[in-house]
Amino acid sequence: MATAVVEKGRLATGKAPRDDKVEAIEALQTRFNESTSLVLFDYRGLSVAQMTALRRQTREAGVRLSVVKNSLTERAVEGTSFEELQGRLTGPISIVTTDGDPSTPAKILKEFVKGESVGEIKGGVLDGRFLESAEVESLADLPSRDVLLSMLLSALQAPVAGLPRVLNGVVSQLINVVDAIAKKKEQV
C-alpha cells in the first residue's frame, strides 16, 4: 500500500525548502538520535534572568535546552524515537534533552519550577513512549541511574554475603550433633 506524501510549507507551493531550515532540522534530528530522553517545558512567564539561570543550570548538568519552532521540531522528530511528540507541540515550548541519565532533565526542570513558581512541564518522551507531565515529575523523583545501580548491587550482594554465615551455621550444628552423640556414647 502506497503512503501519501503530504507536502507542507514551501513544498506545497512548488518551492524548495530554505537551506537554513534544512540545516536546523538535520541538526535537531542528530540531537534527537543521540538523546536518551526529552522533556517539553512551557517557558511562559519566565523573565530573561530566569531563563538565563535555567539555561545555566541545564548546561552545568550536561543537558541541552533549546527553544525551537514547533513546525521544525515536528519535522525533525520524524524517524526518531521521539515521533510521539507529533501533534503535541502547541504554544511556546522549550525542548530539554540529554544523552546521559534520562531523569536529569526532569529533575532540573522540577526543581526550577518549584523554586521559581513559573513555567510548566508539559510532558516528555522516554524509550519511544510519551509521558504526561505527572509521569515526568515521577521520573524526576527517581534516584539517579548510578544510585539505582548501587542499590541493585547491594541487593545482589546481600545473599552472597550471608551465604558463608548460613554454611557456617550448618557446619556448627553438625559438629554439635556429632559432639552430643559422642558424649552420649561415652556415658553408656
C-alpha atoms as a PDB file:
ATOM      1  CA  MET A   1       0.000   0.000   0.000  1.00  0.00           C
ATOM      2  CA  ALA A   2       1.438   3.349  -1.018  1.00  0.00           C
ATOM      3  CA  THR A   3       1.655   6.105   1.548  1.00  0.00           C
ATOM      4  CA  ALA A   4       0.512   9.573   0.640  1.00  0.00           C
ATOM      5  CA  VAL A   5       3.124  12.266   0.975  1.00  0.00           C
ATOM      6  CA  VAL A   6       1.786  15.449   2.485  1.00  0.00           C
ATOM      7  CA  GLU A   7       3.568  18.480   1.159  1.00  0.00           C
ATOM      8  CA  LYS A   8       3.858  21.298   3.645  1.00  0.00           C
ATOM      9  CA  GLY A   9       5.189  24.808   3.634  1.00  0.00           C
ATOM     10  CA  ARG A  10       7.276  25.834   0.670  1.00  0.00           C
ATOM     11  CA  LEU A  11       6.969  22.376  -0.931  1.00  0.00           C
ATOM     12  CA  ALA A  12       3.209  22.888  -1.276  1.00  0.00           C
ATOM     13  CA  THR A  13       3.831  25.977  -3.382  1.00  0.00           C
ATOM     14  CA  GLY A  14       6.461  24.282  -5.539  1.00  0.00           C
ATOM     15  CA  LYS A  15       9.468  25.959  -3.882  1.00  0.00           C
ATOM     16  CA  ALA A  16      12.448  24.172  -2.344  1.00  0.00           C
ATOM     17  CA  PRO A  17      12.911  24.324   1.431  1.00  0.00           C
ATOM     18  CA  ARG A  18      15.243  27.029   2.680  1.00  0.00           C
ATOM     19  CA  ASP A  19      18.790  25.830   3.354  1.00  0.00           C
ATOM     20  CA  ASP A  20      18.922  27.273   6.878  1.00  0.00           C
ATOM     21  CA  LYS A  21      15.773  25.405   7.889  1.00  0.00           C
ATOM     22  CA  VAL A  22      17.010  22.169   6.331  1.00  0.00           C
ATOM     23  CA  GLU A  23      20.252  22.510   8.339  1.00  0.00           C
ATOM     24  CA  ALA A  24      18.303  23.260  11.532  1.00  0.00           C
ATOM     25  CA  ILE A  25      16.120  20.170  11.047  1.00  0.00           C
ATOM     26  CA  GLU A  26      19.156  17.975  10.360  1.00  0.00           C
ATOM     27  CA  ALA A  27      20.908  19.307  13.475  1.00  0.00           C
ATOM     28  CA  LEU A  28      17.787  18.601  15.557  1.00  0.00           C
ATOM     29  CA  GLN A  29      17.485  15.080  14.135  1.00  0.00           C
ATOM     30  CA  THR A  30      21.102  14.370  15.016  1.00  0.00           C
ATOM     31  CA  ARG A  31      20.494  15.669  18.523  1.00  0.00           C
ATOM     32  CA  PHE A  32      17.323  13.596  18.910  1.00  0.00           C
ATOM     33  CA  ASN A  33      19.095  10.448  17.694  1.00  0.00           C
ATOM     34  CA  GLU A  34      21.817  10.940  20.321  1.00  0.00           C
ATOM     35  CA  SER A  35      19.388  11.694  23.181  1.00  0.00           C
ATOM     36  CA  THR A  36      18.029   9.253  25.751  1.00  0.00           C
ATOM     37  CA  SER A  37      15.112  11.405  26.885  1.00  0.00           C
ATOM     38  CA  LEU A  38      13.290  14.620  26.042  1.00  0.00           C
ATOM     39  CA  VAL A  39      11.166  16.914  28.198  1.00  0.00           C
ATOM     40  CA  LEU A  40       8.843  19.675  26.967  1.00  0.00           C
ATOM     41  CA  PHE A  41       8.813  22.835  29.074  1.00  0.00           C
ATOM     42  CA  ASP A  42       6.395  25.752  28.708  1.00  0.00           C
ATOM     43  CA  TYR A  43       8.508  28.787  29.493  1.00  0.00           C
ATOM     44  CA  ARG A  44       5.716  31.384  29.524  1.00  0.00           C
ATOM     45  CA  GLY A  45       6.084  33.808  32.416  1.00  0.00           C
ATOM     46  CA  LEU A  46       9.859  33.438  32.741  1.00  0.00           C
ATOM     47  CA  SER A  47      11.896  36.628  32.764  1.00  0.00           C
ATOM     48  CA  VAL A  48      15.127  36.855  30.793  1.00  0.00           C
ATOM     49  CA  ALA A  49      17.102  36.447  34.015  1.00  0.00           C
ATOM     50  CA  GLN A  50      15.139  33.314  34.968  1.00  0.00           C
ATOM     51  CA  MET A  51      15.579  31.797  31.503  1.00  0.00           C
ATOM     52  CA  THR A  52      19.309  32.548  31.650  1.00  0.00           C
ATOM     53  CA  ALA A  53      19.541  30.882  35.063  1.00  0.00           C
ATOM     54  CA  LEU A  54      17.664  27.833  33.751  1.00  0.00           C
ATOM     55  CA  ARG A  55      19.957  27.608  30.727  1.00  0.00           C
ATOM     56  CA  ARG A  56      22.972  27.783  33.043  1.00  0.00           C
ATOM     57  CA  GLN A  57      21.618  25.002  35.276  1.00  0.00           C
ATOM     58  CA  THR A  58      20.925  22.729  32.322  1.00  0.00           C
ATOM     59  CA  ARG A  59      24.324  23.399  30.756  1.00  0.00           C
ATOM     60  CA  GLU A  60      26.116  22.605  34.045  1.00  0.00           C
ATOM     61  CA  ALA A  61      24.227  19.297  34.272  1.00  0.00           C
ATOM     62  CA  GLY A  62      25.131  18.290  30.711  1.00  0.00           C
ATOM     63  CA  VAL A  63      21.581  18.828  29.475  1.00  0.00           C
ATOM     64  CA  ARG A  64      20.602  20.867  26.408  1.00  0.00           C
ATOM     65  CA  LEU A  65      17.737  23.349  26.477  1.00  0.00           C
ATOM     66  CA  SER A  66      16.534  24.872  23.203  1.00  0.00           C
ATOM     67  CA  VAL A  67      13.670  26.980  22.020  1.00  0.00           C
ATOM     68  CA  VAL A  68      12.792  25.789  18.526  1.00  0.00           C
ATOM     69  CA  LYS A  69       9.806  26.476  16.301  1.00  0.00           C
ATOM     70  CA  ASN A  70       7.208  23.764  16.757  1.00  0.00           C
ATOM     71  CA  SER A  71       6.948  23.213  12.993  1.00  0.00           C
ATOM     72  CA  LEU A  72      10.691  22.499  12.741  1.00  0.00           C
ATOM     73  CA  THR A  73      10.523  20.162  15.727  1.00  0.00           C
ATOM     74  CA  GLU A  74       7.566  18.303  14.197  1.00  0.00           C
ATOM     75  CA  ARG A  75       9.623  17.639  11.076  1.00  0.00           C
ATOM     76  CA  ALA A  76      12.810  16.800  12.986  1.00  0.00           C
ATOM     77  CA  VAL A  77      11.207  14.087  15.138  1.00  0.00           C
ATOM     78  CA  GLU A  78      10.121  12.098  12.076  1.00  0.00           C
ATOM     79  CA  GLY A  79      12.070   8.848  12.027  1.00  0.00           C
ATOM     80  CA  THR A  80      13.446   9.227  15.563  1.00  0.00           C
ATOM     81  CA  SER A  81      12.446   7.656  18.878  1.00  0.00           C
ATOM     82  CA  PHE A  82      10.645  10.928  19.696  1.00  0.00           C
ATOM     83  CA  GLU A  83       7.954  10.627  16.998  1.00  0.00           C
ATOM     84  CA  GLU A  84       5.361  10.510  19.787  1.00  0.00           C
ATOM     85  CA  LEU A  85       5.728  14.311  20.003  1.00  0.00           C
ATOM     86  CA  GLN A  86       3.944  14.854  16.714  1.00  0.00           C
ATOM     87  CA  GLY A  87       0.696  16.684  17.281  1.00  0.00           C
ATOM     88  CA  ARG A  88       1.577  17.515  20.905  1.00  0.00           C
ATOM     89  CA  LEU A  89       3.617  20.656  20.290  1.00  0.00           C
ATOM     90  CA  THR A  90       1.455  23.684  20.976  1.00  0.00           C
ATOM     91  CA  GLY A  91       2.348  27.107  22.261  1.00  0.00           C
ATOM     92  CA  PRO A  92       5.759  28.329  23.330  1.00  0.00           C
ATOM     93  CA  ILE A  93       7.722  25.227  24.327  1.00  0.00           C
ATOM     94  CA  SER A  94      11.381  24.642  25.005  1.00  0.00           C
ATOM     95  CA  ILE A  95      12.927  21.235  24.435  1.00  0.00           C
ATOM     96  CA  VAL A  96      15.271  19.768  27.029  1.00  0.00           C
ATOM     97  CA  THR A  97      17.319  16.720  26.011  1.00  0.00           C
ATOM     98  CA  THR A  98      20.160  14.661  27.396  1.00  0.00           C
ATOM     99  CA  ASP A  99      22.358  11.847  26.185  1.00  0.00           C
ATOM    100  CA  GLY A 100      23.080  10.778  29.778  1.00  0.00           C
ATOM    101  CA  ASP A 101      20.809   9.875  32.678  1.00  0.00           C
ATOM    102  CA  PRO A 102      17.222  10.133  31.350  1.00  0.00           C
ATOM    103  CA  SER A 103      15.896  11.577  34.610  1.00  0.00           C
ATOM    104  CA  THR A 104      18.286  14.556  34.699  1.00  0.00           C
ATOM    105  CA  PRO A 105      16.200  16.981  32.562  1.00  0.00           C
ATOM    106  CA  ALA A 106      13.075  16.170  34.577  1.00  0.00           C
ATOM    107  CA  LYS A 107      14.903  16.734  37.874  1.00  0.00           C
ATOM    108  CA  ILE A 108      16.334  20.080  36.800  1.00  0.00           C
ATOM    109  CA  LEU A 109      13.006  21.375  35.471  1.00  0.00           C
ATOM    110  CA  LYS A 110      11.037  20.168  38.502  1.00  0.00           C
ATOM    111  CA  GLU A 111      13.458  21.902  40.898  1.00  0.00           C
ATOM    112  CA  PHE A 112      13.384  25.054  38.781  1.00  0.00           C
ATOM    113  CA  VAL A 113       9.573  25.224  38.679  1.00  0.00           C
ATOM    114  CA  LYS A 114       9.429  24.538  42.418  1.00  0.00           C
ATOM    115  CA  GLY A 115      11.858  27.357  43.153  1.00  0.00           C
ATOM    116  CA  GLU A 116      10.626  29.954  40.673  1.00  0.00           C
ATOM    117  CA  SER A 117       6.883  29.172  40.573  1.00  0.00           C
ATOM    118  CA  VAL A 118       6.784  29.901  36.832  1.00  0.00           C
ATOM    119  CA  GLY A 119       6.915  27.648  33.815  1.00  0.00           C
ATOM    120  CA  GLU A 120       5.328  24.254  33.422  1.00  0.00           C
ATOM    121  CA  ILE A 121       6.474  20.782  32.455  1.00  0.00           C
ATOM    122  CA  LYS A 122       4.236  19.764  29.541  1.00  0.00           C
ATOM    123  CA  GLY A 123       5.401  16.168  29.069  1.00  0.00           C
ATOM    124  CA  GLY A 124       8.263  14.202  27.629  1.00  0.00           C
ATOM    125  CA  VAL A 125       9.379  11.123  25.753  1.00  0.00           C
ATOM    126  CA  LEU A 126      11.349   8.201  27.149  1.00  0.00           C
ATOM    127  CA  ASP A 127      12.056   4.968  25.247  1.00  0.00           C
ATOM    128  CA  GLY A 128       9.681   5.977  22.443  1.00  0.00           C
ATOM    129  CA  ARG A 129       6.742   6.497  24.832  1.00  0.00           C
ATOM    130  CA  PHE A 130       5.094   9.844  25.515  1.00  0.00           C
ATOM    131  CA  LEU A 131       4.981  10.760  29.210  1.00  0.00           C
ATOM    132  CA  GLU A 132       2.373  13.129  30.604  1.00  0.00           C
ATOM    133  CA  SER A 133       3.602  15.890  32.939  1.00  0.00           C
ATOM    134  CA  ALA A 134       2.768  13.841  36.075  1.00  0.00           C
ATOM    135  CA  GLU A 135       4.852  10.942  34.739  1.00  0.00           C
ATOM    136  CA  VAL A 136       7.770  13.270  34.027  1.00  0.00           C
ATOM    137  CA  GLU A 137       7.567  14.568  37.596  1.00  0.00           C
ATOM    138  CA  SER A 138       7.552  10.963  38.866  1.00  0.00           C
ATOM    139  CA  LEU A 139      10.647  10.341  36.765  1.00  0.00           C
ATOM    140  CA  ALA A 140      12.259  13.336  38.462  1.00  0.00           C
ATOM    141  CA  ASP A 141      11.624  11.761  41.873  1.00  0.00           C
ATOM    142  CA  LEU A 142      13.566   8.606  40.986  1.00  0.00           C
ATOM    143  CA  PRO A 143      17.144   8.302  42.216  1.00  0.00           C
ATOM    144  CA  SER A 144      19.825   8.737  39.570  1.00  0.00           C
ATOM    145  CA  ARG A 145      20.941   5.793  37.467  1.00  0.00           C
ATOM    146  CA  ASP A 146      24.147   5.410  39.488  1.00  0.00           C
ATOM    147  CA  VAL A 147      22.229   5.278  42.779  1.00  0.00           C
ATOM    148  CA  LEU A 148      19.786   2.719  41.351  1.00  0.00           C
ATOM    149  CA  LEU A 149      22.688   0.568  40.143  1.00  0.00           C
ATOM    150  CA  SER A 150      24.362   0.702  43.561  1.00  0.00           C
ATOM    151  CA  MET A 151      21.052  -0.266  45.218  1.00  0.00           C
ATOM    152  CA  LEU A 152      20.760  -3.218  42.838  1.00  0.00           C
ATOM    153  CA  LEU A 153      24.336  -4.272  43.536  1.00  0.00           C
ATOM    154  CA  SER A 154      23.689  -4.116  47.282  1.00  0.00           C
ATOM    155  CA  ALA A 155      20.590  -6.268  46.902  1.00  0.00           C
ATOM    156  CA  LEU A 156      22.532  -8.806  44.846  1.00  0.00           C
ATOM    157  CA  GLN A 157      25.451  -8.864  47.297  1.00  0.00           C
ATOM    158  CA  ALA A 158      23.321  -9.408  50.415  1.00  0.00           C
ATOM    159  CA  PRO A 159      22.552 -13.100  49.749  1.00  0.00           C
ATOM    160  CA  VAL A 160      26.158 -13.766  48.759  1.00  0.00           C
ATOM    161  CA  ALA A 161      27.437 -12.119  51.936  1.00  0.00           C
ATOM    162  CA  GLY A 162      25.042 -14.163  54.076  1.00  0.00           C
ATOM    163  CA  LEU A 163      25.950 -17.490  52.443  1.00  0.00           C
ATOM    164  CA  PRO A 164      29.145 -18.089  54.498  1.00  0.00           C
ATOM    165  CA  ARG A 165      27.202 -17.444  57.726  1.00  0.00           C
ATOM    166  CA  VAL A 166      24.485 -19.909  56.737  1.00  0.00           C
ATOM    167  CA  LEU A 167      27.039 -22.548  55.744  1.00  0.00           C
ATOM    168  CA  ASN A 168      28.980 -21.939  58.938  1.00  0.00           C
ATOM    169  CA  GLY A 169      25.753 -22.391  60.934  1.00  0.00           C
ATOM    170  CA  VAL A 170      25.051 -25.750  59.238  1.00  0.00           C
ATOM    171  CA  VAL A 171      28.592 -26.962  59.961  1.00  0.00           C
ATOM    172  CA  SER A 172      28.328 -25.770  63.584  1.00  0.00           C
ATOM    173  CA  GLN A 173      25.047 -27.627  64.053  1.00  0.00           C
ATOM    174  CA  LEU A 174      26.549 -30.778  62.536  1.00  0.00           C
ATOM    175  CA  ILE A 175      29.521 -30.557  64.895  1.00  0.00           C
ATOM    176  CA  ASN A 176      27.212 -30.025  67.877  1.00  0.00           C
ATOM    177  CA  VAL A 177      25.123 -33.096  66.913  1.00  0.00           C
ATOM    178  CA  VAL A 178      28.215 -35.268  66.462  1.00  0.00           C
ATOM    179  CA  ASP A 179      29.604 -33.986  69.781  1.00  0.00           C
ATOM    180  CA  ALA A 180      26.298 -34.774  71.558  1.00  0.00           C
ATOM    181  CA  ILE A 181      26.247 -38.310  70.090  1.00  0.00           C
ATOM    182  CA  ALA A 182      29.872 -38.835  71.196  1.00  0.00           C
ATOM    183  CA  LYS A 183      29.080 -37.695  74.774  1.00  0.00           C
ATOM    184  CA  LYS A 184      26.007 -39.964  74.867  1.00  0.00           C
ATOM    185  CA  LYS A 185      28.099 -42.988  73.762  1.00  0.00           C
ATOM    186  CA  GLU A 186      30.711 -42.200  76.440  1.00  0.00           C
ATOM    187  CA  GLN A 187      28.040 -42.258  79.141  1.00  0.00           C
ATOM    188  CA  VAL A 188      26.760 -45.666  78.075  1.00  0.00           C
END
